[in-house]
Amino acid sequence: KGCQGVMCGHIHTAADKRIGDIHYLNSGDWVESLTAIVEHWDGRFELLDFASFVRRFPLPDRDSIEPGAELAEA
């Protein structure tokens, strides 16, 4: 009562929706749906799924990598 949002997880169905005045977030699960919730620095929440997330970071074209180039250290 009186809350602005509810965050749940592991119900296997990811969700980011409004139910009346409540912001409902459910992370789903990482094993089957490969989904997660992140909070941005500005306080926004985002429901991510792995496939969409990795498309944000395309791999370089193989032909653009110099032979013998070393990988960056983590």
Protein backbone atom coordinates (compact mmCIF):
# COMPACT_ATOMS: atom_id res chain seq x y z
CA LYS A 1 0.00 0.00 0.00
CA GLY A 2 1.37 3.38 -0.97
CA CYS A 3 4.24 2.01 -3.08
CA GLN A 4 5.31 3.31 -6.49
CA GLY A 5 6.54 0.01 -7.85
CA VAL A 6 6.95 -3.70 -7.37
CA MET A 7 9.94 -5.75 -8.54
CA CYS A 8 9.70 -9.53 -8.66
CA GLY A 9 11.77 -12.27 -10.18
CA HIS A 10 11.95 -15.89 -11.12
CA ILE A 11 8.37 -16.22 -12.31
CA HIS A 12 9.72 -17.20 -15.77
CA THR A 13 7.77 -14.46 -17.56
CA ALA A 14 9.60 -11.17 -17.79
CA ALA A 15 7.46 -8.03 -17.57
CA ASP A 16 7.78 -4.25 -17.46
CA LYS A 17 4.32 -2.71 -17.26
CA ARG A 18 2.03 -0.35 -15.42
CA ILE A 19 -0.78 -1.75 -13.32
CA GLY A 20 -2.80 1.28 -12.36
CA ASP A 21 -0.34 3.61 -10.63
CA ILE A 22 2.14 0.79 -9.91
CA HIS A 23 5.21 0.09 -12.06
CA TYR A 24 5.50 -3.73 -12.16
CA LEU A 25 8.86 -5.25 -13.07
CA ASN A 26 9.62 -8.96 -13.23
CA SER A 27 13.07 -10.14 -14.25
CA GLY A 28 11.84 -13.47 -15.55
CA ASP A 29 14.72 -15.89 -15.30
CA TRP A 30 18.23 -16.06 -16.68
CA VAL A 31 18.20 -19.79 -17.46
CA GLU A 32 15.24 -20.08 -19.85
CA SER A 33 14.31 -16.59 -21.00
CA LEU A 34 17.77 -14.98 -20.59
CA THR A 35 16.29 -11.79 -19.14
CA ALA A 36 17.41 -9.40 -16.42
CA ILE A 37 16.57 -5.96 -15.01
CA VAL A 38 19.15 -3.18 -14.82
CA GLU A 39 18.91 0.20 -13.14
CA HIS A 40 20.47 3.09 -15.03
CA TRP A 41 22.38 5.91 -13.32
CA ASP A 42 19.37 8.19 -13.76
CA GLY A 43 17.10 5.80 -11.86
CA ARG A 44 15.36 4.26 -14.88
CA PHE A 45 14.87 0.51 -14.94
CA GLU A 46 15.25 -1.53 -18.11
CA LEU A 47 14.25 -5.09 -18.84
CA LEU A 48 16.98 -6.69 -20.94
CA ASP A 49 16.98 -9.88 -22.90
CA PHE A 50 20.34 -11.34 -23.87
CA ALA A 51 19.78 -11.47 -27.64
CA SER A 52 18.76 -7.79 -27.86
CA PHE A 53 21.55 -6.75 -25.50
CA VAL A 54 24.38 -8.36 -27.49
CA ARG A 55 23.08 -6.83 -30.74
CA ARG A 56 23.97 -3.43 -29.23
CA PHE A 57 27.65 -4.38 -29.42
CA PRO A 58 28.37 -5.72 -32.90
CA LEU A 59 31.56 -7.68 -33.40
CA PRO A 60 34.16 -6.09 -35.67
CA ASP A 61 34.31 -7.30 -39.25
CA ARG A 62 36.86 -10.13 -39.44
CA ASP A 63 38.58 -8.47 -42.40
CA SER A 64 39.21 -5.30 -40.35
CA ILE A 65 41.27 -7.15 -37.71
CA GLU A 66 44.98 -7.25 -38.45
CA PRO A 67 46.52 -10.73 -38.45
CA GLY A 68 48.41 -11.33 -35.21
CA ALA A 69 46.60 -8.53 -33.36
CA GLU A 70 46.50 -9.14 -29.63
CA LEU A 71 43.30 -9.11 -27.62
CA ALA A 72 42.88 -6.34 -25.07
CA GLU A 73 43.43 -7.25 -21.44
CA ALA A 74 40.30 -7.17 -19.26
